Amino acid sequence: MYGRTIIFTLLASSLWSVIEAAVTSLNTKGVIRHFFKSSDNSGFIVEVFSDQDEAGKSLEVLKSVQSLKEQAMAKVTVIEGETR
């Protein structure tokens, strides 16, 4: 199994609609995704994949959240790793 956690802080709470449009909880073969709102302007997304190759194919959420960072609208931290 391989996991990715995306932790973000929005610089404007009005961006929640953008995040919610881009991120939905998911549980399909090979991918599990959960979206958590931890405060008015921060949250995190946890994705679990069957393996690293599957994670490499599923980058749409990561790209969406990172695009907010590139526009100086959010702070984003990404942590990835596999279970042992």
C-alpha atoms as a PDB file:
ATOM      1  CA  MET A   1       0.000   0.000   0.000  1.00  0.00           C
ATOM      2  CA  TYR A   2       1.058   3.549  -0.707  1.00  0.00           C
ATOM      3  CA  GLY A   3      -0.335   6.703   0.904  1.00  0.00           C
ATOM      4  CA  ARG A   4      -0.436  10.407   0.211  1.00  0.00           C
ATOM      5  CA  THR A   5      -1.510  13.123   2.639  1.00  0.00           C
ATOM      6  CA  ILE A   6      -2.093  16.641   1.355  1.00  0.00           C
ATOM      7  CA  ILE A   7      -2.271  19.247   4.130  1.00  0.00           C
ATOM      8  CA  PHE A   8      -3.410  22.731   3.190  1.00  0.00           C
ATOM      9  CA  THR A   9      -4.196  26.137   4.647  1.00  0.00           C
ATOM     10  CA  LEU A  10      -6.380  28.419   2.572  1.00  0.00           C
ATOM     11  CA  LEU A  11      -5.500  32.110   2.641  1.00  0.00           C
ATOM     12  CA  ALA A  12      -9.179  32.916   2.015  1.00  0.00           C
ATOM     13  CA  SER A  13     -12.046  30.846   3.384  1.00  0.00           C
ATOM     14  CA  SER A  14     -13.982  31.574   0.184  1.00  0.00           C
ATOM     15  CA  LEU A  15     -11.733  28.990  -1.529  1.00  0.00           C
ATOM     16  CA  TRP A  16     -13.559  26.111   0.188  1.00  0.00           C
ATOM     17  CA  SER A  17     -15.926  25.881  -2.761  1.00  0.00           C
ATOM     18  CA  VAL A  18     -12.949  25.345  -5.080  1.00  0.00           C
ATOM     19  CA  ILE A  19     -11.500  22.620  -2.833  1.00  0.00           C
ATOM     20  CA  GLU A  20     -14.858  20.895  -2.401  1.00  0.00           C
ATOM     21  CA  ALA A  21     -15.411  20.913  -6.174  1.00  0.00           C
ATOM     22  CA  ALA A  22     -12.007  19.332  -6.806  1.00  0.00           C
ATOM     23  CA  VAL A  23     -11.987  16.814  -3.959  1.00  0.00           C
ATOM     24  CA  THR A  24     -14.586  14.196  -3.167  1.00  0.00           C
ATOM     25  CA  SER A  25     -14.318  11.163  -0.946  1.00  0.00           C
ATOM     26  CA  LEU A  26     -13.727   8.051  -2.987  1.00  0.00           C
ATOM     27  CA  ASN A  27     -13.537   4.319  -2.424  1.00  0.00           C
ATOM     28  CA  THR A  28     -12.962   2.427  -5.655  1.00  0.00           C
ATOM     29  CA  LYS A  29     -10.662  -0.394  -6.605  1.00  0.00           C
ATOM     30  CA  GLY A  30      -7.110   0.629  -5.867  1.00  0.00           C
ATOM     31  CA  VAL A  31      -7.903   4.099  -4.436  1.00  0.00           C
ATOM     32  CA  ILE A  32      -9.389   5.328  -1.163  1.00  0.00           C
ATOM     33  CA  ARG A  33      -9.679   9.087  -0.584  1.00  0.00           C
ATOM     34  CA  HIS A  34     -10.981  11.015   2.412  1.00  0.00           C
ATOM     35  CA  PHE A  35     -11.308  14.780   2.729  1.00  0.00           C
ATOM     36  CA  PHE A  36     -11.224  16.469   6.160  1.00  0.00           C
ATOM     37  CA  LYS A  37     -11.885  20.084   7.117  1.00  0.00           C
ATOM     38  CA  SER A  38      -9.903  20.735  10.311  1.00  0.00           C
ATOM     39  CA  SER A  39     -10.692  24.454  10.781  1.00  0.00           C
ATOM     40  CA  ASP A  40     -12.279  27.376   8.955  1.00  0.00           C
ATOM     41  CA  ASN A  41      -9.324  27.702   6.608  1.00  0.00           C
ATOM     42  CA  SER A  42      -7.412  24.412   6.752  1.00  0.00           C
ATOM     43  CA  GLY A  43      -7.863  20.762   6.038  1.00  0.00           C
ATOM     44  CA  PHE A  44      -6.237  17.637   4.721  1.00  0.00           C
ATOM     45  CA  ILE A  45      -6.803  14.917   2.165  1.00  0.00           C
ATOM     46  CA  VAL A  46      -5.724  11.321   2.737  1.00  0.00           C
ATOM     47  CA  GLU A  47      -5.347   9.036  -0.270  1.00  0.00           C
ATOM     48  CA  VAL A  48      -4.456   5.343  -0.062  1.00  0.00           C
ATOM     49  CA  PHE A  49      -3.408   3.458  -3.185  1.00  0.00           C
ATOM     50  CA  SER A  50      -2.688  -0.185  -3.897  1.00  0.00           C
ATOM     51  CA  ASP A  51       0.896   0.721  -4.894  1.00  0.00           C
ATOM     52  CA  GLN A  52       3.149   3.608  -5.935  1.00  0.00           C
ATOM     53  CA  ASP A  53       2.351   3.129  -9.624  1.00  0.00           C
ATOM     54  CA  GLU A  54      -1.354   3.632  -8.919  1.00  0.00           C
ATOM     55  CA  ALA A  55      -0.511   6.799  -6.953  1.00  0.00           C
ATOM     56  CA  GLY A  56       1.450   8.089  -9.935  1.00  0.00           C
ATOM     57  CA  LYS A  57      -1.604   7.640 -12.148  1.00  0.00           C
ATOM     58  CA  SER A  58      -3.918   9.480  -9.749  1.00  0.00           C
ATOM     59  CA  LEU A  59      -2.592  13.031  -9.575  1.00  0.00           C
ATOM     60  CA  GLU A  60      -5.708  15.096 -10.329  1.00  0.00           C
ATOM     61  CA  VAL A  61      -6.411  16.070  -6.694  1.00  0.00           C
ATOM     62  CA  LEU A  62      -2.761  16.836  -5.997  1.00  0.00           C
ATOM     63  CA  LYS A  63      -2.549  19.037  -9.105  1.00  0.00           C
ATOM     64  CA  SER A  64      -5.765  20.862  -8.181  1.00  0.00           C
ATOM     65  CA  VAL A  65      -4.606  21.714  -4.671  1.00  0.00           C
ATOM     66  CA  GLN A  66      -1.101  22.624  -5.808  1.00  0.00           C
ATOM     67  CA  SER A  67      -2.548  24.988  -8.427  1.00  0.00           C
ATOM     68  CA  LEU A  68      -4.006  27.021  -5.555  1.00  0.00           C
ATOM     69  CA  LYS A  69      -0.527  27.204  -4.032  1.00  0.00           C
ATOM     70  CA  GLU A  70       0.923  28.423  -7.321  1.00  0.00           C
ATOM     71  CA  GLN A  71      -1.646  31.220  -7.344  1.00  0.00           C
ATOM     72  CA  ALA A  72      -0.617  32.215  -3.769  1.00  0.00           C
ATOM     73  CA  MET A  73      -4.047  31.244  -2.461  1.00  0.00           C
ATOM     74  CA  ALA A  74      -2.991  28.367  -0.227  1.00  0.00           C
ATOM     75  CA  LYS A  75      -0.124  26.771   1.649  1.00  0.00           C
ATOM     76  CA  VAL A  76       0.245  23.111   0.710  1.00  0.00           C
ATOM     77  CA  THR A  77       2.322  20.279   2.186  1.00  0.00           C
ATOM     78  CA  VAL A  78       2.446  16.809   0.642  1.00  0.00           C
ATOM     79  CA  ILE A  79       3.645  13.684   2.428  1.00  0.00           C
ATOM     80  CA  GLU A  80       3.925  10.338   0.633  1.00  0.00           C
ATOM     81  CA  GLY A  81       5.136   6.902   1.547  1.00  0.00           C
ATOM     82  CA  GLU A  82       4.533   3.173   1.561  1.00  0.00           C
ATOM     83  CA  THR A  83       3.714   0.752   4.341  1.00  0.00           C
ATOM     84  CA  ARG A  84       6.261  -1.765   5.461  1.00  0.00           C
END
